[in-house]
Amino acid sequence: MSEAGHATVHKDYTGAKLGMWLFLFTEIILFGGMFLLYAVYLARYPKEFAAAGAELDIVLGTANTVILLTGSLLVAVSVSAVRRGSRKLAQWMLWGGVLSGALFLFNKYLEWSTEIRHGIYPNSPVLLQKEQGEIIFFGLYYITLGLHGLHVFIGAVLLAVMAVWVATGAVNRDDFVKLENSGLYWHLVDLIWIFIFPLYYLLL
């Protein structure tokens, strides 16, 4: 209790950061397993994977890379802004991060819509007529990128919540660990895409 008779709130920032890093480690294990599975099948079907990768839209893939990297920069700036007490700047940067996530998902919607119209989706008659390696490639493609897209959506929601909390003062220069942890999550989502992009879109 404080001298004024109010309970002192204990905030374990170190524990919160450690917990976040442990959570991110489980995410790395999850996607690391997907990348390992990809590597095993790539070694077995190199030509088929290259042929399947050539069917992906490299322009949208490149655009999404730029979008997510920009979003990461905006989130990093938001953390710095909060630490300096610049709440308005932090809010704008966070909403910019949310917008980057929305643009990424919209581009992915356009890409997948085109592929589905062309009959390229799991267990489609068109896909089942292709080589076994191409079937496996697109199976991994939809699972891995679908899982990543879900993480982008969750990350965008987190950033939106942080923007609201910055506006209300729940996140401020003296208490910004929640924003830092949300930023770490967003940076991991971006890092995972940096691996996904060359593995699926830049196969030669």
N, C-alpha and C. Protein backbone atom coordinates (compact mmCIF):
# COMPACT_ATOMS: atom_id res chain seq x y z
N MET A 1 0.84 -1.20 0.00
CA MET A 1 0.00 0.00 0.00
C MET A 1 0.87 1.25 0.00
N SER A 2 0.46 2.30 -0.70
CA SER A 2 1.18 3.56 -0.71
C SER A 2 0.75 4.39 0.48
N GLU A 3 1.44 5.53 0.70
CA GLU A 3 1.12 6.39 1.82
C GLU A 3 -0.29 6.93 1.71
N ALA A 4 -0.79 7.11 0.52
CA ALA A 4 -2.14 7.64 0.31
C ALA A 4 -3.22 6.59 0.51
N GLY A 5 -2.79 5.35 0.79
CA GLY A 5 -3.75 4.29 1.04
C GLY A 5 -4.19 3.55 -0.19
N HIS A 6 -3.54 3.81 -1.32
CA HIS A 6 -3.89 3.13 -2.56
C HIS A 6 -2.94 1.97 -2.81
N ALA A 7 -3.45 0.91 -3.40
CA ALA A 7 -2.62 -0.25 -3.70
C ALA A 7 -1.65 0.09 -4.81
N THR A 8 -0.42 -0.32 -4.63
CA THR A 8 0.58 -0.10 -5.65
C THR A 8 0.49 -1.20 -6.70
N VAL A 9 0.36 -0.82 -7.95
CA VAL A 9 0.25 -1.79 -9.04
C VAL A 9 1.63 -2.21 -9.49
N HIS A 10 1.89 -3.51 -9.41
CA HIS A 10 3.19 -4.03 -9.82
C HIS A 10 3.12 -4.45 -11.29
N LYS A 11 4.02 -3.96 -12.08
CA LYS A 11 4.05 -4.29 -13.51
C LYS A 11 5.38 -4.96 -13.82
N ASP A 12 5.29 -6.22 -14.22
CA ASP A 12 6.49 -7.00 -14.50
C ASP A 12 6.82 -6.89 -15.98
N TYR A 13 7.53 -5.82 -16.34
CA TYR A 13 7.87 -5.60 -17.74
C TYR A 13 8.82 -6.66 -18.26
N THR A 14 9.79 -7.06 -17.44
CA THR A 14 10.74 -8.08 -17.86
C THR A 14 10.03 -9.40 -18.14
N GLY A 15 9.10 -9.75 -17.24
CA GLY A 15 8.33 -10.98 -17.44
C GLY A 15 7.47 -10.92 -18.68
N ALA A 16 6.89 -9.74 -18.95
CA ALA A 16 6.05 -9.59 -20.14
C ALA A 16 6.86 -9.75 -21.42
N LYS A 17 8.06 -9.17 -21.43
CA LYS A 17 8.92 -9.29 -22.61
C LYS A 17 9.40 -10.73 -22.79
N LEU A 18 9.78 -11.37 -21.67
CA LEU A 18 10.23 -12.75 -21.75
C LEU A 18 9.12 -13.66 -22.25
N GLY A 19 7.91 -13.43 -21.75
CA GLY A 19 6.77 -14.22 -22.21
C GLY A 19 6.52 -14.05 -23.70
N MET A 20 6.67 -12.81 -24.19
CA MET A 20 6.47 -12.55 -25.61
C MET A 20 7.53 -13.25 -26.45
N TRP A 21 8.79 -13.20 -25.99
CA TRP A 21 9.85 -13.87 -26.73
C TRP A 21 9.64 -15.38 -26.77
N LEU A 22 9.15 -15.95 -25.67
CA LEU A 22 8.87 -17.38 -25.66
C LEU A 22 7.75 -17.72 -26.63
N PHE A 23 6.72 -16.85 -26.68
CA PHE A 23 5.63 -17.07 -27.63
C PHE A 23 6.14 -16.98 -29.07
N LEU A 24 6.98 -15.98 -29.35
CA LEU A 24 7.52 -15.83 -30.69
C LEU A 24 8.38 -17.03 -31.07
N PHE A 25 9.05 -17.62 -30.08
CA PHE A 25 9.86 -18.81 -30.35
C PHE A 25 8.98 -19.96 -30.83
N THR A 26 7.79 -20.12 -30.24
CA THR A 26 6.88 -21.18 -30.70
C THR A 26 6.41 -20.90 -32.13
N GLU A 27 6.24 -19.62 -32.48
CA GLU A 27 5.86 -19.27 -33.84
C GLU A 27 6.98 -19.61 -34.82
N ILE A 28 8.21 -19.36 -34.41
CA ILE A 28 9.36 -19.70 -35.25
C ILE A 28 9.43 -21.21 -35.48
N ILE A 29 9.15 -21.99 -34.42
CA ILE A 29 9.14 -23.44 -34.56
C ILE A 29 8.06 -23.87 -35.55
N LEU A 30 6.87 -23.24 -35.45
CA LEU A 30 5.76 -23.58 -36.35
C LEU A 30 6.14 -23.35 -37.81
N PHE A 31 6.58 -22.14 -38.13
CA PHE A 31 6.92 -21.85 -39.52
C PHE A 31 8.23 -22.52 -39.93
N GLY A 32 9.13 -22.71 -38.97
CA GLY A 32 10.36 -23.44 -39.28
C GLY A 32 10.06 -24.86 -39.74
N GLY A 33 9.05 -25.48 -39.11
CA GLY A 33 8.64 -26.81 -39.54
C GLY A 33 8.09 -26.81 -40.94
N MET A 34 7.33 -25.76 -41.28
CA MET A 34 6.79 -25.64 -42.63
C MET A 34 7.91 -25.46 -43.65
N PHE A 35 8.91 -24.65 -43.31
CA PHE A 35 10.03 -24.42 -44.22
C PHE A 35 10.88 -25.68 -44.38
N LEU A 36 11.02 -26.44 -43.30
CA LEU A 36 11.77 -27.69 -43.38
C LEU A 36 11.06 -28.68 -44.29
N LEU A 37 9.74 -28.76 -44.16
CA LEU A 37 8.97 -29.65 -45.03
C LEU A 37 9.10 -29.21 -46.48
N TYR A 38 9.06 -27.91 -46.70
CA TYR A 38 9.25 -27.36 -48.05
C TYR A 38 10.61 -27.78 -48.60
N ALA A 39 11.67 -27.67 -47.79
CA ALA A 39 13.02 -27.99 -48.25
C ALA A 39 13.14 -29.46 -48.63
N VAL A 40 12.49 -30.33 -47.87
CA VAL A 40 12.54 -31.76 -48.16
C VAL A 40 11.92 -32.05 -49.53
N TYR A 41 10.75 -31.46 -49.78
CA TYR A 41 10.08 -31.71 -51.06
C TYR A 41 10.75 -30.97 -52.22
N LEU A 42 11.35 -29.83 -51.93
CA LEU A 42 12.08 -29.12 -52.98
C LEU A 42 13.25 -29.95 -53.47
N ALA A 43 13.95 -30.60 -52.56
CA ALA A 43 15.07 -31.46 -52.94
C ALA A 43 14.60 -32.64 -53.79
N ARG A 44 13.37 -33.08 -53.55
CA ARG A 44 12.84 -34.23 -54.29
C ARG A 44 12.23 -33.83 -55.63
N TYR A 45 11.60 -32.64 -55.68
CA TYR A 45 10.93 -32.20 -56.91
C TYR A 45 11.39 -30.80 -57.32
N PRO A 46 12.66 -30.60 -57.60
CA PRO A 46 13.15 -29.24 -57.92
C PRO A 46 12.53 -28.65 -59.18
N LYS A 47 12.41 -29.44 -60.25
CA LYS A 47 11.86 -28.93 -61.50
C LYS A 47 10.38 -28.63 -61.38
N GLU A 48 9.66 -29.50 -60.68
CA GLU A 48 8.22 -29.29 -60.51
C GLU A 48 7.95 -28.07 -59.64
N PHE A 49 8.75 -27.87 -58.60
CA PHE A 49 8.58 -26.69 -57.75
C PHE A 49 8.86 -25.41 -58.54
N ALA A 50 9.89 -25.44 -59.38
CA ALA A 50 10.22 -24.27 -60.19
C ALA A 50 9.09 -23.95 -61.17
N ALA A 51 8.53 -25.00 -61.78
CA ALA A 51 7.43 -24.80 -62.72
C ALA A 51 6.20 -24.23 -62.02
N ALA A 52 5.91 -24.73 -60.83
CA ALA A 52 4.75 -24.23 -60.09
C ALA A 52 4.98 -22.80 -59.61
N GLY A 53 6.20 -22.51 -59.14
CA GLY A 53 6.50 -21.16 -58.67
C GLY A 53 6.39 -20.12 -59.77
N ALA A 54 6.66 -20.54 -61.01
CA ALA A 54 6.58 -19.62 -62.14
C ALA A 54 5.15 -19.17 -62.40
N GLU A 55 4.16 -19.90 -61.86
CA GLU A 55 2.76 -19.54 -62.07
C GLU A 55 2.26 -18.49 -61.08
N LEU A 56 3.07 -18.20 -60.06
CA LEU A 56 2.66 -17.20 -59.07
C LEU A 56 2.89 -15.79 -59.60
N ASP A 57 2.17 -14.84 -59.03
CA ASP A 57 2.25 -13.44 -59.46
C ASP A 57 3.37 -12.75 -58.70
N ILE A 58 4.55 -12.65 -59.33
CA ILE A 58 5.71 -12.07 -58.67
C ILE A 58 5.53 -10.57 -58.41
N VAL A 59 4.71 -9.91 -59.22
CA VAL A 59 4.46 -8.47 -59.01
C VAL A 59 3.73 -8.25 -57.69
N LEU A 60 2.66 -9.02 -57.45
CA LEU A 60 1.94 -8.89 -56.20
C LEU A 60 2.80 -9.35 -55.02
N GLY A 61 3.61 -10.38 -55.25
CA GLY A 61 4.50 -10.85 -54.20
C GLY A 61 5.50 -9.78 -53.80
N THR A 62 6.06 -9.11 -54.81
CA THR A 62 7.02 -8.03 -54.54
C THR A 62 6.33 -6.86 -53.85
N ALA A 63 5.14 -6.52 -54.33
CA ALA A 63 4.38 -5.42 -53.72
C ALA A 63 4.10 -5.71 -52.25
N ASN A 64 3.73 -6.94 -51.94
CA ASN A 64 3.45 -7.30 -50.55
C ASN A 64 4.71 -7.24 -49.69
N THR A 65 5.85 -7.54 -50.29
CA THR A 65 7.11 -7.43 -49.54
C THR A 65 7.37 -5.98 -49.15
N VAL A 66 7.21 -5.09 -50.11
CA VAL A 66 7.40 -3.66 -49.85
C VAL A 66 6.39 -3.16 -48.82
N ILE A 67 5.16 -3.62 -48.93
CA ILE A 67 4.10 -3.18 -48.02
C ILE A 67 4.41 -3.59 -46.58
N LEU A 68 4.82 -4.84 -46.39
CA LEU A 68 5.10 -5.30 -45.03
C LEU A 68 6.35 -4.65 -44.45
N LEU A 69 7.36 -4.44 -45.27
CA LEU A 69 8.57 -3.76 -44.78
C LEU A 69 8.25 -2.32 -44.38
N THR A 70 7.39 -1.67 -45.16
CA THR A 70 6.96 -0.32 -44.80
C THR A 70 6.18 -0.33 -43.49
N GLY A 71 5.31 -1.33 -43.34
CA GLY A 71 4.55 -1.46 -42.10
C GLY A 71 5.46 -1.65 -40.90
N SER A 72 6.52 -2.43 -41.06
CA SER A 72 7.47 -2.64 -39.96
C SER A 72 8.16 -1.34 -39.57
N LEU A 73 8.51 -0.54 -40.58
CA LEU A 73 9.14 0.75 -40.31
C LEU A 73 8.18 1.66 -39.54
N LEU A 74 6.93 1.70 -39.94
CA LEU A 74 5.94 2.54 -39.28
C LEU A 74 5.75 2.13 -37.82
N VAL A 75 5.71 0.83 -37.57
CA VAL A 75 5.55 0.34 -36.20
C VAL A 75 6.76 0.70 -35.35
N ALA A 76 7.96 0.56 -35.92
CA ALA A 76 9.17 0.94 -35.19
C ALA A 76 9.15 2.42 -34.83
N VAL A 77 8.70 3.25 -35.76
CA VAL A 77 8.61 4.69 -35.51
C VAL A 77 7.58 4.97 -34.42
N SER A 78 6.48 4.20 -34.40
CA SER A 78 5.44 4.42 -33.39
C SER A 78 5.97 4.16 -31.99
N VAL A 79 6.78 3.13 -31.83
CA VAL A 79 7.36 2.83 -30.52
C VAL A 79 8.27 3.97 -30.08
N SER A 80 9.09 4.44 -31.01
CA SER A 80 9.98 5.56 -30.71
C SER A 80 9.19 6.81 -30.35
N ALA A 81 8.08 7.03 -31.07
CA ALA A 81 7.26 8.22 -30.82
C ALA A 81 6.63 8.17 -29.43
N VAL A 82 6.13 7.00 -29.04
CA VAL A 82 5.53 6.86 -27.71
C VAL A 82 6.58 7.13 -26.63
N ARG A 83 7.77 6.62 -26.82
CA ARG A 83 8.82 6.83 -25.82
C ARG A 83 9.19 8.31 -25.68
N ARG A 84 8.99 9.07 -26.76
CA ARG A 84 9.25 10.51 -26.70
C ARG A 84 8.02 11.31 -26.26
N GLY A 85 6.90 10.62 -26.09
CA GLY A 85 5.68 11.30 -25.69
C GLY A 85 4.88 11.88 -26.84
N SER A 86 5.22 11.51 -28.08
CA SER A 86 4.51 12.02 -29.27
C SER A 86 3.33 11.10 -29.60
N ARG A 87 2.24 11.29 -28.88
CA ARG A 87 1.11 10.38 -29.02
C ARG A 87 0.47 10.45 -30.40
N LYS A 88 0.30 11.63 -30.94
CA LYS A 88 -0.34 11.77 -32.25
C LYS A 88 0.46 11.06 -33.34
N LEU A 89 1.77 11.27 -33.33
CA LEU A 89 2.62 10.61 -34.32
C LEU A 89 2.53 9.10 -34.18
N ALA A 90 2.55 8.63 -32.93
CA ALA A 90 2.47 7.19 -32.69
C ALA A 90 1.16 6.62 -33.24
N GLN A 91 0.07 7.34 -33.02
CA GLN A 91 -1.23 6.87 -33.53
C GLN A 91 -1.23 6.78 -35.06
N TRP A 92 -0.73 7.82 -35.72
CA TRP A 92 -0.68 7.81 -37.19
C TRP A 92 0.17 6.65 -37.71
N MET A 93 1.30 6.42 -37.06
CA MET A 93 2.18 5.33 -37.49
C MET A 93 1.52 3.96 -37.30
N LEU A 94 0.82 3.81 -36.19
CA LEU A 94 0.14 2.54 -35.94
C LEU A 94 -1.00 2.30 -36.93
N TRP A 95 -1.77 3.35 -37.21
CA TRP A 95 -2.83 3.18 -38.20
C TRP A 95 -2.24 2.91 -39.59
N GLY A 96 -1.05 3.48 -39.84
CA GLY A 96 -0.35 3.15 -41.09
C GLY A 96 0.03 1.68 -41.13
N GLY A 97 0.45 1.14 -39.99
CA GLY A 97 0.75 -0.28 -39.91
C GLY A 97 -0.48 -1.13 -40.17
N VAL A 98 -1.61 -0.71 -39.60
CA VAL A 98 -2.87 -1.42 -39.85
C VAL A 98 -3.21 -1.40 -41.34
N LEU A 99 -3.02 -0.24 -41.96
CA LEU A 99 -3.29 -0.12 -43.40
C LEU A 99 -2.39 -1.03 -44.21
N SER A 100 -1.13 -1.16 -43.81
CA SER A 100 -0.21 -2.05 -44.54
C SER A 100 -0.69 -3.49 -44.45
N GLY A 101 -1.19 -3.89 -43.29
CA GLY A 101 -1.73 -5.24 -43.16
C GLY A 101 -2.96 -5.45 -44.03
N ALA A 102 -3.82 -4.44 -44.07
CA ALA A 102 -5.03 -4.53 -44.90
C ALA A 102 -4.68 -4.62 -46.38
N LEU A 103 -3.70 -3.81 -46.81
CA LEU A 103 -3.27 -3.85 -48.21
C LEU A 103 -2.67 -5.20 -48.57
N PHE A 104 -1.88 -5.75 -47.65
CA PHE A 104 -1.29 -7.07 -47.87
C PHE A 104 -2.39 -8.11 -48.09
N LEU A 105 -3.36 -8.12 -47.20
CA LEU A 105 -4.43 -9.12 -47.30
C LEU A 105 -5.28 -8.89 -48.54
N PHE A 106 -5.49 -7.64 -48.94
CA PHE A 106 -6.25 -7.36 -50.16
C PHE A 106 -5.49 -7.89 -51.39
N ASN A 107 -4.19 -7.66 -51.43
CA ASN A 107 -3.38 -8.20 -52.54
C ASN A 107 -3.42 -9.71 -52.56
N LYS A 108 -3.36 -10.32 -51.38
CA LYS A 108 -3.42 -11.78 -51.33
C LYS A 108 -4.78 -12.28 -51.80
N TYR A 109 -5.83 -11.53 -51.47
CA TYR A 109 -7.17 -11.89 -51.96
C TYR A 109 -7.22 -11.84 -53.48
N LEU A 110 -6.64 -10.79 -54.08
CA LEU A 110 -6.61 -10.68 -55.54
C LEU A 110 -5.84 -11.84 -56.15
N GLU A 111 -4.70 -12.16 -55.55
CA GLU A 111 -3.86 -13.22 -56.09
C GLU A 111 -4.55 -14.57 -56.01
N TRP A 112 -5.09 -14.88 -54.85
CA TRP A 112 -5.74 -16.16 -54.68
C TRP A 112 -7.01 -16.26 -55.53
N SER A 113 -7.73 -15.17 -55.70
CA SER A 113 -8.94 -15.18 -56.53
C SER A 113 -8.59 -15.55 -57.97
N THR A 114 -7.49 -14.98 -58.46
CA THR A 114 -7.05 -15.29 -59.82
C THR A 114 -6.66 -16.75 -59.95
N GLU A 115 -5.91 -17.25 -58.98
CA GLU A 115 -5.47 -18.65 -59.03
C GLU A 115 -6.64 -19.61 -58.94
N ILE A 116 -7.60 -19.28 -58.09
CA ILE A 116 -8.77 -20.14 -57.95
C ILE A 116 -9.60 -20.14 -59.23
N ARG A 117 -9.73 -18.96 -59.87
CA ARG A 117 -10.46 -18.90 -61.15
C ARG A 117 -9.79 -19.76 -62.21
N HIS A 118 -8.47 -19.87 -62.13
CA HIS A 118 -7.73 -20.71 -63.08
C HIS A 118 -7.70 -22.18 -62.66
N GLY A 119 -8.41 -22.50 -61.58
CA GLY A 119 -8.50 -23.89 -61.15
C GLY A 119 -7.31 -24.35 -60.33
N ILE A 120 -6.50 -23.42 -59.83
CA ILE A 120 -5.34 -23.80 -59.03
C ILE A 120 -5.68 -23.63 -57.55
N TYR A 121 -6.17 -24.71 -56.97
CA TYR A 121 -6.45 -24.74 -55.53
C TYR A 121 -6.45 -26.21 -55.12
N PRO A 122 -6.27 -26.50 -53.83
CA PRO A 122 -6.13 -27.90 -53.38
C PRO A 122 -7.27 -28.80 -53.86
N ASN A 123 -6.87 -29.95 -54.43
CA ASN A 123 -7.79 -30.99 -54.89
C ASN A 123 -8.67 -30.57 -56.07
N SER A 124 -8.31 -29.48 -56.77
CA SER A 124 -9.07 -29.08 -57.94
C SER A 124 -8.75 -30.02 -59.10
N PRO A 125 -9.67 -30.22 -60.02
CA PRO A 125 -9.41 -31.09 -61.18
C PRO A 125 -8.20 -30.64 -61.98
N VAL A 126 -8.05 -29.32 -62.15
CA VAL A 126 -6.91 -28.79 -62.90
C VAL A 126 -5.60 -29.12 -62.20
N LEU A 127 -5.55 -28.91 -60.89
CA LEU A 127 -4.32 -29.15 -60.15
C LEU A 127 -3.96 -30.64 -60.12
N LEU A 128 -4.96 -31.48 -60.00
CA LEU A 128 -4.71 -32.92 -59.91
C LEU A 128 -4.18 -33.50 -61.22
N GLN A 129 -4.29 -32.76 -62.31
CA GLN A 129 -3.73 -33.21 -63.58
C GLN A 129 -2.25 -32.87 -63.72
N LYS A 130 -1.73 -32.08 -62.80
CA LYS A 130 -0.33 -31.68 -62.86
C LYS A 130 0.57 -32.74 -62.24
N GLU A 131 1.88 -32.51 -62.34
CA GLU A 131 2.86 -33.42 -61.75
C GLU A 131 2.72 -33.43 -60.23
N GLN A 132 3.13 -34.56 -59.62
CA GLN A 132 3.01 -34.71 -58.18
C GLN A 132 3.71 -33.58 -57.42
N GLY A 133 4.89 -33.20 -57.89
CA GLY A 133 5.64 -32.14 -57.24
C GLY A 133 4.90 -30.81 -57.26
N GLU A 134 4.22 -30.51 -58.35
CA GLU A 134 3.46 -29.26 -58.43
C GLU A 134 2.25 -29.29 -57.49
N ILE A 135 1.63 -30.46 -57.38
CA ILE A 135 0.51 -30.60 -56.45
C ILE A 135 0.96 -30.34 -55.02
N ILE A 136 2.12 -30.90 -54.66
CA ILE A 136 2.67 -30.70 -53.31
C ILE A 136 3.04 -29.24 -53.10
N PHE A 137 3.64 -28.61 -54.12
CA PHE A 137 4.02 -27.20 -54.02
C PHE A 137 2.82 -26.34 -53.67
N PHE A 138 1.73 -26.50 -54.41
CA PHE A 138 0.56 -25.65 -54.18
C PHE A 138 -0.14 -25.99 -52.86
N GLY A 139 -0.04 -27.25 -52.44
CA GLY A 139 -0.57 -27.60 -51.13
C GLY A 139 0.16 -26.86 -50.02
N LEU A 140 1.50 -26.87 -50.09
CA LEU A 140 2.31 -26.14 -49.12
C LEU A 140 2.09 -24.63 -49.24
N TYR A 141 1.94 -24.17 -50.46
CA TYR A 141 1.73 -22.74 -50.71
C TYR A 141 0.47 -22.24 -50.02
N TYR A 142 -0.63 -22.94 -50.19
CA TYR A 142 -1.88 -22.49 -49.59
C TYR A 142 -1.86 -22.61 -48.07
N ILE A 143 -1.26 -23.66 -47.55
CA ILE A 143 -1.20 -23.83 -46.09
C ILE A 143 -0.30 -22.77 -45.47
N THR A 144 0.92 -22.62 -46.01
CA THR A 144 1.88 -21.69 -45.42
C THR A 144 1.43 -20.25 -45.54
N LEU A 145 0.99 -19.84 -46.74
CA LEU A 145 0.58 -18.45 -46.91
C LEU A 145 -0.76 -18.16 -46.26
N GLY A 146 -1.62 -19.17 -46.17
CA GLY A 146 -2.86 -18.98 -45.44
C GLY A 146 -2.60 -18.76 -43.95
N LEU A 147 -1.69 -19.56 -43.40
CA LEU A 147 -1.31 -19.41 -42.01
C LEU A 147 -0.65 -18.06 -41.76
N HIS A 148 0.20 -17.66 -42.70
CA HIS A 148 0.85 -16.35 -42.56
C HIS A 148 -0.18 -15.22 -42.67
N GLY A 149 -1.13 -15.35 -43.58
CA GLY A 149 -2.17 -14.34 -43.72
C GLY A 149 -2.98 -14.17 -42.45
N LEU A 150 -3.24 -15.30 -41.76
CA LEU A 150 -3.95 -15.24 -40.49
C LEU A 150 -3.13 -14.45 -39.47
N HIS A 151 -1.83 -14.64 -39.47
CA HIS A 151 -0.96 -13.90 -38.55
C HIS A 151 -0.94 -12.41 -38.90
N VAL A 152 -0.99 -12.09 -40.19
CA VAL A 152 -1.05 -10.68 -40.59
C VAL A 152 -2.33 -10.04 -40.07
N PHE A 153 -3.44 -10.76 -40.20
CA PHE A 153 -4.72 -10.24 -39.71
C PHE A 153 -4.67 -10.00 -38.21
N ILE A 154 -4.15 -10.98 -37.46
CA ILE A 154 -4.05 -10.83 -36.01
C ILE A 154 -3.14 -9.65 -35.66
N GLY A 155 -2.02 -9.54 -36.38
CA GLY A 155 -1.10 -8.43 -36.14
C GLY A 155 -1.75 -7.08 -36.39
N ALA A 156 -2.54 -6.98 -37.45
CA ALA A 156 -3.21 -5.71 -37.77
C ALA A 156 -4.22 -5.35 -36.68
N VAL A 157 -4.93 -6.36 -36.16
CA VAL A 157 -5.87 -6.12 -35.07
C VAL A 157 -5.13 -5.62 -33.83
N LEU A 158 -3.99 -6.24 -33.53
CA LEU A 158 -3.18 -5.80 -32.38
C LEU A 158 -2.74 -4.35 -32.54
N LEU A 159 -2.31 -4.00 -33.74
CA LEU A 159 -1.86 -2.62 -33.98
C LEU A 159 -3.03 -1.64 -33.82
N ALA A 160 -4.21 -2.03 -34.26
CA ALA A 160 -5.38 -1.17 -34.10
C ALA A 160 -5.70 -0.97 -32.62
N VAL A 161 -5.61 -2.03 -31.84
CA VAL A 161 -5.84 -1.93 -30.40
C VAL A 161 -4.80 -1.01 -29.76
N MET A 162 -3.55 -1.16 -30.18
CA MET A 162 -2.50 -0.30 -29.64
C MET A 162 -2.73 1.17 -29.98
N ALA A 163 -3.22 1.43 -31.21
CA ALA A 163 -3.52 2.81 -31.60
C ALA A 163 -4.58 3.41 -30.70
N VAL A 164 -5.60 2.63 -30.38
CA VAL A 164 -6.67 3.10 -29.49
C VAL A 164 -6.11 3.33 -28.09
N TRP A 165 -5.28 2.41 -27.62
CA TRP A 165 -4.71 2.54 -26.27
C TRP A 165 -3.76 3.73 -26.18
N VAL A 166 -3.03 4.01 -27.25
CA VAL A 166 -2.19 5.21 -27.25
C VAL A 166 -3.06 6.45 -27.15
N ALA A 167 -4.18 6.46 -27.88
CA ALA A 167 -5.09 7.62 -27.87
C ALA A 167 -5.70 7.84 -26.50
N THR A 168 -6.01 6.75 -25.79
CA THR A 168 -6.64 6.87 -24.47
C THR A 168 -5.63 7.04 -23.35
N GLY A 169 -4.35 6.85 -23.66
CA GLY A 169 -3.32 6.98 -22.64
C GLY A 169 -2.99 5.68 -21.92
N ALA A 170 -3.67 4.59 -22.30
CA ALA A 170 -3.37 3.30 -21.69
C ALA A 170 -1.96 2.84 -22.03
N VAL A 171 -1.49 3.26 -23.19
CA VAL A 171 -0.09 3.07 -23.58
C VAL A 171 0.54 4.45 -23.66
N ASN A 172 1.61 4.65 -22.91
CA ASN A 172 2.24 5.96 -22.84
C ASN A 172 3.75 5.81 -22.66
N ARG A 173 4.45 6.90 -22.52
CA ARG A 173 5.90 6.88 -22.43
C ARG A 173 6.41 6.15 -21.20
N ASP A 174 5.56 6.00 -20.18
CA ASP A 174 5.96 5.30 -18.97
C ASP A 174 5.48 3.85 -18.93
N ASP A 175 4.63 3.49 -19.88
CA ASP A 175 4.06 2.14 -19.90
C ASP A 175 3.78 1.76 -21.36
N PHE A 176 4.80 1.27 -22.03
CA PHE A 176 4.64 0.96 -23.46
C PHE A 176 5.07 -0.47 -23.81
N VAL A 177 5.17 -1.33 -22.80
CA VAL A 177 5.63 -2.70 -23.08
C VAL A 177 4.64 -3.44 -23.98
N LYS A 178 3.33 -3.14 -23.83
CA LYS A 178 2.33 -3.81 -24.69
C LYS A 178 2.55 -3.43 -26.15
N LEU A 179 2.89 -2.18 -26.38
CA LEU A 179 3.18 -1.74 -27.75
C LEU A 179 4.45 -2.40 -28.27
N GLU A 180 5.47 -2.47 -27.43
CA GLU A 180 6.71 -3.13 -27.84
C GLU A 180 6.47 -4.59 -28.21
N ASN A 181 5.68 -5.28 -27.40
CA ASN A 181 5.40 -6.69 -27.68
C ASN A 181 4.59 -6.86 -28.96
N SER A 182 3.63 -5.96 -29.17
CA SER A 182 2.86 -6.01 -30.41
C SER A 182 3.76 -5.74 -31.61
N GLY A 183 4.70 -4.81 -31.44
CA GLY A 183 5.65 -4.51 -32.50
C GLY A 183 6.53 -5.71 -32.81
N LEU A 184 6.96 -6.43 -31.76
CA LEU A 184 7.78 -7.62 -31.98
C LEU A 184 7.01 -8.67 -32.78
N TYR A 185 5.72 -8.82 -32.46
CA TYR A 185 4.89 -9.77 -33.20
C TYR A 185 4.81 -9.37 -34.67
N TRP A 186 4.59 -8.08 -34.91
CA TRP A 186 4.48 -7.60 -36.29
C TRP A 186 5.79 -7.79 -37.05
N HIS A 187 6.90 -7.53 -36.38
CA HIS A 187 8.21 -7.71 -37.04
C HIS A 187 8.44 -9.18 -37.38
N LEU A 188 7.98 -10.09 -36.51
CA LEU A 188 8.13 -11.52 -36.81
C LEU A 188 7.31 -11.90 -38.03
N VAL A 189 6.09 -11.37 -38.12
CA VAL A 189 5.24 -11.62 -39.30
C VAL A 189 5.96 -11.17 -40.57
N ASP A 190 6.61 -10.02 -40.50
CA ASP A 190 7.36 -9.51 -41.65
C ASP A 190 8.55 -10.40 -41.96
N LEU A 191 9.25 -10.82 -40.92
CA LEU A 191 10.43 -11.67 -41.10
C LEU A 191 10.06 -12.99 -41.77
N ILE A 192 8.95 -13.56 -41.35
CA ILE A 192 8.49 -14.82 -41.95
C ILE A 192 8.21 -14.63 -43.44
N TRP A 193 7.62 -13.49 -43.80
CA TRP A 193 7.36 -13.23 -45.23
C TRP A 193 8.65 -13.09 -46.01
N ILE A 194 9.69 -12.56 -45.39
CA ILE A 194 10.98 -12.42 -46.07
C ILE A 194 11.52 -13.79 -46.47
N PHE A 195 11.18 -14.82 -45.72
CA PHE A 195 11.56 -16.18 -46.10
C PHE A 195 10.58 -16.77 -47.12
N ILE A 196 9.30 -16.49 -46.94
CA ILE A 196 8.29 -17.04 -47.84
C ILE A 196 8.48 -16.52 -49.27
N PHE A 197 8.74 -15.23 -49.41
CA PHE A 197 8.80 -14.61 -50.73
C PHE A 197 9.81 -15.29 -51.66
N PRO A 198 11.08 -15.44 -51.28
CA PRO A 198 12.00 -16.09 -52.20
C PRO A 198 11.73 -17.59 -52.38
N LEU A 199 11.25 -18.24 -51.34
CA LEU A 199 11.00 -19.68 -51.44
C LEU A 199 9.91 -20.01 -52.44
N TYR A 200 8.88 -19.19 -52.48
CA TYR A 200 7.74 -19.49 -53.35
C TYR A 200 7.71 -18.68 -54.64
N TYR A 201 8.19 -17.45 -54.61
CA TYR A 201 8.05 -16.57 -55.77
C TYR A 201 9.29 -16.43 -56.63
N LEU A 202 10.46 -16.75 -56.07
CA LEU A 202 11.70 -16.51 -56.81
C LEU A 202 12.41 -17.79 -57.22
N LEU A 203 11.68 -18.89 -57.28
CA LEU A 203 12.27 -20.13 -57.74
C LEU A 203 12.61 -20.06 -59.22
N LEU A 204 13.80 -20.51 -59.57
CA LEU A 204 14.20 -20.52 -60.98
C LEU A 204 14.41 -21.94 -61.47
